[in-house]
Amino acid sequence: MDPEFGHFESEMNRGFLQLFVLGMLDSPTYGYRMLKTCEGLGYSVEENTLYPLLRRLERMELIQGEWNVAGGRPRKFYVITPLGRDVRVRLLDIRRVQNKILEKLEQGNREEDGHV
């Protein structure tokens, strides 16, 4: 892969992953399950990307983590906070506006190319 493209892809994925994580935490979920959910939806995320993000979102008080040791295996479950819900709504609004702008731009390019 072109190293320059890799940088752009990483930047786009960083913002997307933050929103994605906030979107899947309406009910308590642990990290490994999040990884499997991502995988099941066709979005690959590495552990060394997800877990630092979870800690960062927790420090920002957008999510809350709680350890559960039931079942013999300790797992930290995360859930979105009210502040996290507010941020998620605002980020989704931004994404919708950005998508509309990109769609208009793409439509304009198709019209210029005679592909209406």
N, C-alpha and C. Protein backbone atom coordinates (compact mmCIF):
# COMPACT_ATOMS: atom_id res chain seq x y z
N MET A 1 0.85 -1.17 0.00
CA MET A 1 0.00 0.00 0.00
C MET A 1 0.90 1.23 0.00
N ASP A 2 0.46 2.24 -0.69
CA ASP A 2 1.16 3.52 -0.76
C ASP A 2 1.20 4.12 0.65
N PRO A 3 2.41 4.45 1.16
CA PRO A 3 2.51 5.00 2.52
C PRO A 3 1.68 6.27 2.71
N GLU A 4 1.60 7.09 1.68
CA GLU A 4 0.81 8.33 1.78
C GLU A 4 -0.66 8.00 1.96
N PHE A 5 -1.17 7.03 1.20
CA PHE A 5 -2.56 6.63 1.33
C PHE A 5 -2.82 6.05 2.72
N GLY A 6 -1.88 5.27 3.22
CA GLY A 6 -2.03 4.66 4.54
C GLY A 6 -2.26 5.70 5.62
N HIS A 7 -1.60 6.84 5.49
CA HIS A 7 -1.79 7.93 6.45
C HIS A 7 -3.24 8.44 6.39
N PHE A 8 -3.74 8.67 5.18
CA PHE A 8 -5.12 9.15 5.03
C PHE A 8 -6.12 8.13 5.57
N GLU A 9 -5.88 6.88 5.26
CA GLU A 9 -6.78 5.83 5.74
C GLU A 9 -6.79 5.78 7.26
N SER A 10 -5.62 5.89 7.88
CA SER A 10 -5.53 5.88 9.34
C SER A 10 -6.30 7.04 9.96
N GLU A 11 -6.17 8.21 9.36
CA GLU A 11 -6.88 9.39 9.88
C GLU A 11 -8.39 9.21 9.78
N MET A 12 -8.86 8.70 8.65
CA MET A 12 -10.30 8.48 8.49
C MET A 12 -10.81 7.42 9.47
N ASN A 13 -10.04 6.36 9.63
CA ASN A 13 -10.45 5.28 10.53
C ASN A 13 -10.48 5.72 11.98
N ARG A 14 -9.58 6.62 12.37
CA ARG A 14 -9.52 7.07 13.76
C ARG A 14 -10.85 7.71 14.17
N GLY A 15 -11.34 8.63 13.38
CA GLY A 15 -12.61 9.28 13.70
C GLY A 15 -13.78 8.32 13.61
N PHE A 16 -13.75 7.49 12.59
CA PHE A 16 -14.83 6.52 12.41
C PHE A 16 -14.90 5.57 13.61
N LEU A 17 -13.76 5.09 14.07
CA LEU A 17 -13.75 4.12 15.15
C LEU A 17 -14.29 4.73 16.45
N GLN A 18 -13.98 5.98 16.70
CA GLN A 18 -14.52 6.63 17.90
C GLN A 18 -16.05 6.64 17.86
N LEU A 19 -16.59 7.02 16.73
CA LEU A 19 -18.05 7.06 16.58
C LEU A 19 -18.63 5.64 16.62
N PHE A 20 -17.96 4.71 15.99
CA PHE A 20 -18.40 3.32 15.97
C PHE A 20 -18.49 2.76 17.39
N VAL A 21 -17.47 3.01 18.20
CA VAL A 21 -17.45 2.51 19.58
C VAL A 21 -18.58 3.15 20.38
N LEU A 22 -18.75 4.45 20.25
CA LEU A 22 -19.85 5.11 20.96
C LEU A 22 -21.20 4.56 20.52
N GLY A 23 -21.27 4.13 19.26
CA GLY A 23 -22.52 3.59 18.73
C GLY A 23 -22.87 2.20 19.22
N MET A 24 -21.88 1.45 19.67
CA MET A 24 -22.19 0.08 20.09
C MET A 24 -22.25 -0.10 21.60
N LEU A 25 -22.22 1.01 22.34
CA LEU A 25 -22.18 0.87 23.79
C LEU A 25 -23.46 1.31 24.50
N ASP A 26 -24.61 1.13 23.87
CA ASP A 26 -25.86 1.43 24.56
C ASP A 26 -26.13 0.40 25.66
N SER A 27 -25.59 -0.78 25.50
CA SER A 27 -25.67 -1.77 26.57
C SER A 27 -24.24 -2.20 26.89
N PRO A 28 -23.98 -2.62 28.12
CA PRO A 28 -22.61 -2.97 28.52
C PRO A 28 -21.99 -4.04 27.62
N THR A 29 -20.79 -3.76 27.18
CA THR A 29 -20.06 -4.65 26.27
C THR A 29 -18.59 -4.64 26.65
N TYR A 30 -17.93 -5.76 26.50
CA TYR A 30 -16.50 -5.81 26.81
C TYR A 30 -15.68 -5.79 25.51
N GLY A 31 -14.41 -5.48 25.66
CA GLY A 31 -13.54 -5.24 24.52
C GLY A 31 -13.51 -6.35 23.48
N TYR A 32 -13.34 -7.59 23.91
CA TYR A 32 -13.25 -8.68 22.94
C TYR A 32 -14.53 -8.81 22.14
N ARG A 33 -15.66 -8.62 22.78
CA ARG A 33 -16.94 -8.68 22.06
C ARG A 33 -17.02 -7.56 21.03
N MET A 34 -16.50 -6.37 21.39
CA MET A 34 -16.48 -5.26 20.44
C MET A 34 -15.65 -5.61 19.22
N LEU A 35 -14.50 -6.23 19.45
CA LEU A 35 -13.65 -6.65 18.33
C LEU A 35 -14.39 -7.62 17.42
N LYS A 36 -15.09 -8.56 18.01
CA LYS A 36 -15.85 -9.55 17.23
C LYS A 36 -17.03 -8.90 16.50
N THR A 37 -17.67 -7.92 17.13
CA THR A 37 -18.76 -7.19 16.46
C THR A 37 -18.21 -6.47 15.24
N CYS A 38 -17.09 -5.79 15.42
CA CYS A 38 -16.46 -5.09 14.30
C CYS A 38 -16.16 -6.07 13.17
N GLU A 39 -15.54 -7.17 13.53
CA GLU A 39 -15.17 -8.19 12.55
C GLU A 39 -16.41 -8.71 11.82
N GLY A 40 -17.47 -8.95 12.56
CA GLY A 40 -18.70 -9.46 11.97
C GLY A 40 -19.35 -8.48 11.00
N LEU A 41 -19.08 -7.20 11.20
CA LEU A 41 -19.62 -6.17 10.31
C LEU A 41 -18.66 -5.82 9.17
N GLY A 42 -17.53 -6.53 9.13
CA GLY A 42 -16.59 -6.31 8.03
C GLY A 42 -15.62 -5.16 8.27
N TYR A 43 -15.45 -4.77 9.53
CA TYR A 43 -14.53 -3.68 9.87
C TYR A 43 -13.46 -4.24 10.79
N SER A 44 -12.24 -4.28 10.33
CA SER A 44 -11.15 -4.87 11.07
C SER A 44 -10.52 -3.85 12.03
N VAL A 45 -10.44 -4.23 13.29
CA VAL A 45 -9.83 -3.39 14.32
C VAL A 45 -8.88 -4.26 15.14
N GLU A 46 -7.71 -3.74 15.39
CA GLU A 46 -6.74 -4.49 16.19
C GLU A 46 -6.90 -4.14 17.67
N GLU A 47 -6.54 -5.10 18.52
CA GLU A 47 -6.63 -4.88 19.96
C GLU A 47 -5.82 -3.66 20.39
N ASN A 48 -4.62 -3.51 19.80
CA ASN A 48 -3.76 -2.40 20.21
C ASN A 48 -4.28 -1.05 19.70
N THR A 49 -5.37 -1.05 18.97
CA THR A 49 -6.05 0.19 18.58
C THR A 49 -7.27 0.40 19.46
N LEU A 50 -8.03 -0.66 19.69
CA LEU A 50 -9.28 -0.54 20.44
C LEU A 50 -9.07 -0.21 21.92
N TYR A 51 -8.20 -0.96 22.59
CA TYR A 51 -8.09 -0.79 24.03
C TYR A 51 -7.56 0.59 24.45
N PRO A 52 -6.56 1.15 23.77
CA PRO A 52 -6.17 2.53 24.11
C PRO A 52 -7.31 3.53 23.85
N LEU A 53 -8.10 3.30 22.80
CA LEU A 53 -9.24 4.17 22.53
C LEU A 53 -10.26 4.07 23.66
N LEU A 54 -10.54 2.88 24.13
CA LEU A 54 -11.48 2.70 25.24
C LEU A 54 -10.99 3.45 26.48
N ARG A 55 -9.70 3.35 26.78
CA ARG A 55 -9.16 4.06 27.95
C ARG A 55 -9.28 5.58 27.76
N ARG A 56 -9.02 6.05 26.55
CA ARG A 56 -9.11 7.49 26.27
C ARG A 56 -10.56 7.98 26.40
N LEU A 57 -11.51 7.24 25.83
CA LEU A 57 -12.92 7.62 25.94
C LEU A 57 -13.39 7.58 27.39
N GLU A 58 -12.84 6.66 28.16
CA GLU A 58 -13.20 6.57 29.57
C GLU A 58 -12.64 7.79 30.33
N ARG A 59 -11.41 8.17 30.04
CA ARG A 59 -10.83 9.36 30.69
C ARG A 59 -11.62 10.62 30.33
N MET A 60 -12.16 10.66 29.13
CA MET A 60 -12.95 11.81 28.68
C MET A 60 -14.38 11.75 29.22
N GLU A 61 -14.70 10.69 29.95
CA GLU A 61 -16.01 10.45 30.55
C GLU A 61 -17.12 10.29 29.51
N LEU A 62 -16.76 9.79 28.34
CA LEU A 62 -17.74 9.49 27.30
C LEU A 62 -18.27 8.07 27.45
N ILE A 63 -17.46 7.22 28.07
CA ILE A 63 -17.89 5.86 28.40
C ILE A 63 -17.47 5.58 29.84
N GLN A 64 -18.08 4.56 30.40
CA GLN A 64 -17.76 4.17 31.77
C GLN A 64 -17.46 2.68 31.76
N GLY A 65 -16.37 2.31 32.41
CA GLY A 65 -15.99 0.90 32.49
C GLY A 65 -16.17 0.36 33.89
N GLU A 66 -16.53 -0.91 33.94
CA GLU A 66 -16.69 -1.57 35.24
C GLU A 66 -16.26 -3.02 35.09
N TRP A 67 -15.41 -3.46 36.02
CA TRP A 67 -14.94 -4.84 36.00
C TRP A 67 -16.02 -5.78 36.50
N ASN A 68 -16.13 -6.92 35.83
CA ASN A 68 -17.05 -7.97 36.22
C ASN A 68 -16.24 -9.25 36.29
N VAL A 69 -16.22 -9.89 37.45
CA VAL A 69 -15.44 -11.12 37.62
C VAL A 69 -16.32 -12.36 37.68
N ALA A 70 -17.61 -12.19 37.42
CA ALA A 70 -18.53 -13.34 37.43
C ALA A 70 -18.13 -14.30 36.32
N GLY A 71 -18.30 -15.55 36.57
CA GLY A 71 -17.98 -16.55 35.56
C GLY A 71 -16.51 -16.92 35.56
N GLY A 72 -15.76 -16.43 36.54
CA GLY A 72 -14.37 -16.83 36.66
C GLY A 72 -13.39 -16.08 35.78
N ARG A 73 -13.89 -15.28 34.87
CA ARG A 73 -12.99 -14.56 33.97
C ARG A 73 -13.27 -13.07 34.09
N PRO A 74 -12.30 -12.31 34.61
CA PRO A 74 -12.53 -10.87 34.74
C PRO A 74 -12.62 -10.18 33.38
N ARG A 75 -13.66 -9.39 33.23
CA ARG A 75 -13.86 -8.62 31.99
C ARG A 75 -14.28 -7.21 32.38
N LYS A 76 -13.77 -6.26 31.63
CA LYS A 76 -14.18 -4.89 31.86
C LYS A 76 -15.26 -4.56 30.84
N PHE A 77 -16.45 -4.27 31.36
CA PHE A 77 -17.58 -3.92 30.52
C PHE A 77 -17.67 -2.40 30.42
N TYR A 78 -17.96 -1.93 29.23
CA TYR A 78 -18.07 -0.50 28.98
C TYR A 78 -19.50 -0.16 28.55
N VAL A 79 -19.94 1.03 28.93
CA VAL A 79 -21.24 1.53 28.52
C VAL A 79 -21.10 3.03 28.29
N ILE A 80 -21.89 3.55 27.38
CA ILE A 80 -21.83 4.98 27.07
C ILE A 80 -22.45 5.79 28.21
N THR A 81 -21.91 6.96 28.47
CA THR A 81 -22.43 7.87 29.50
C THR A 81 -23.38 8.87 28.84
N PRO A 82 -24.13 9.63 29.65
CA PRO A 82 -24.96 10.69 29.06
C PRO A 82 -24.15 11.69 28.22
N LEU A 83 -22.96 12.04 28.69
CA LEU A 83 -22.09 12.92 27.91
C LEU A 83 -21.70 12.25 26.60
N GLY A 84 -21.40 10.96 26.67
CA GLY A 84 -21.05 10.20 25.46
C GLY A 84 -22.19 10.17 24.46
N ARG A 85 -23.42 10.05 24.96
CA ARG A 85 -24.60 10.06 24.07
C ARG A 85 -24.72 11.41 23.36
N ASP A 86 -24.49 12.48 24.10
CA ASP A 86 -24.54 13.81 23.51
C ASP A 86 -23.47 13.98 22.42
N VAL A 87 -22.27 13.55 22.73
CA VAL A 87 -21.17 13.63 21.76
C VAL A 87 -21.49 12.78 20.54
N ARG A 88 -22.04 11.59 20.77
CA ARG A 88 -22.39 10.70 19.66
C ARG A 88 -23.40 11.35 18.72
N VAL A 89 -24.43 11.97 19.29
CA VAL A 89 -25.45 12.66 18.48
C VAL A 89 -24.79 13.75 17.64
N ARG A 90 -23.93 14.52 18.27
CA ARG A 90 -23.28 15.61 17.56
C ARG A 90 -22.35 15.10 16.47
N LEU A 91 -21.62 14.03 16.74
CA LEU A 91 -20.73 13.44 15.73
C LEU A 91 -21.53 12.86 14.56
N LEU A 92 -22.65 12.23 14.87
CA LEU A 92 -23.50 11.69 13.80
C LEU A 92 -24.06 12.82 12.93
N ASP A 93 -24.41 13.94 13.55
CA ASP A 93 -24.88 15.09 12.77
C ASP A 93 -23.77 15.59 11.84
N ILE A 94 -22.56 15.68 12.36
CA ILE A 94 -21.42 16.11 11.53
C ILE A 94 -21.22 15.15 10.37
N ARG A 95 -21.28 13.86 10.66
CA ARG A 95 -21.09 12.85 9.61
C ARG A 95 -22.15 12.96 8.53
N ARG A 96 -23.40 13.19 8.93
CA ARG A 96 -24.48 13.33 7.95
C ARG A 96 -24.24 14.52 7.04
N VAL A 97 -23.85 15.65 7.62
CA VAL A 97 -23.57 16.84 6.82
C VAL A 97 -22.40 16.57 5.87
N GLN A 98 -21.35 15.97 6.38
CA GLN A 98 -20.18 15.66 5.54
C GLN A 98 -20.56 14.72 4.40
N ASN A 99 -21.37 13.71 4.70
CA ASN A 99 -21.79 12.77 3.65
C ASN A 99 -22.60 13.47 2.57
N LYS A 100 -23.50 14.37 2.98
CA LYS A 100 -24.30 15.12 2.00
C LYS A 100 -23.40 15.97 1.11
N ILE A 101 -22.43 16.62 1.70
CA ILE A 101 -21.50 17.44 0.93
C ILE A 101 -20.72 16.59 -0.06
N LEU A 102 -20.22 15.45 0.39
CA LEU A 102 -19.47 14.56 -0.50
C LEU A 102 -20.35 14.01 -1.62
N GLU A 103 -21.61 13.69 -1.30
CA GLU A 103 -22.53 13.21 -2.32
C GLU A 103 -22.79 14.28 -3.37
N LYS A 104 -22.95 15.53 -2.95
CA LYS A 104 -23.14 16.63 -3.90
C LYS A 104 -21.91 16.81 -4.77
N LEU A 105 -20.75 16.73 -4.15
CA LEU A 105 -19.51 16.87 -4.89
C LEU A 105 -19.37 15.75 -5.92
N GLU A 106 -19.66 14.52 -5.49
CA GLU A 106 -19.57 13.38 -6.39
C GLU A 106 -20.59 13.49 -7.53
N GLN A 107 -21.80 13.93 -7.21
CA GLN A 107 -22.83 14.13 -8.24
C GLN A 107 -22.38 15.18 -9.25
N GLY A 108 -21.81 16.27 -8.76
CA GLY A 108 -21.31 17.31 -9.64
C GLY A 108 -20.20 16.80 -10.55
N ASN A 109 -19.33 15.98 -10.03
CA ASN A 109 -18.25 15.41 -10.84
C ASN A 109 -18.80 14.48 -11.92
N ARG A 110 -19.84 13.71 -11.58
CA ARG A 110 -20.45 12.82 -12.57
C ARG A 110 -21.12 13.61 -13.67
N GLU A 111 -21.77 14.71 -13.28
CA GLU A 111 -22.43 15.55 -14.30
C GLU A 111 -21.41 16.18 -15.22
N GLU A 112 -20.29 16.61 -14.68
CA GLU A 112 -19.22 17.18 -15.50
C GLU A 112 -18.65 16.16 -16.46
N ASP A 113 -18.60 14.91 -16.02
CA ASP A 113 -18.06 13.84 -16.85
C ASP A 113 -19.12 13.26 -17.79
N GLY A 114 -20.36 13.77 -17.72
CA GLY A 114 -21.43 13.28 -18.57
C GLY A 114 -22.02 11.97 -18.11
N HIS A 115 -21.89 11.64 -16.83
CA HIS A 115 -22.42 10.40 -16.27
C HIS A 115 -23.58 10.68 -15.33
N VAL A 116 -24.58 11.34 -15.76
CA VAL A 116 -25.71 11.71 -14.89
C VAL A 116 -26.58 10.54 -14.60
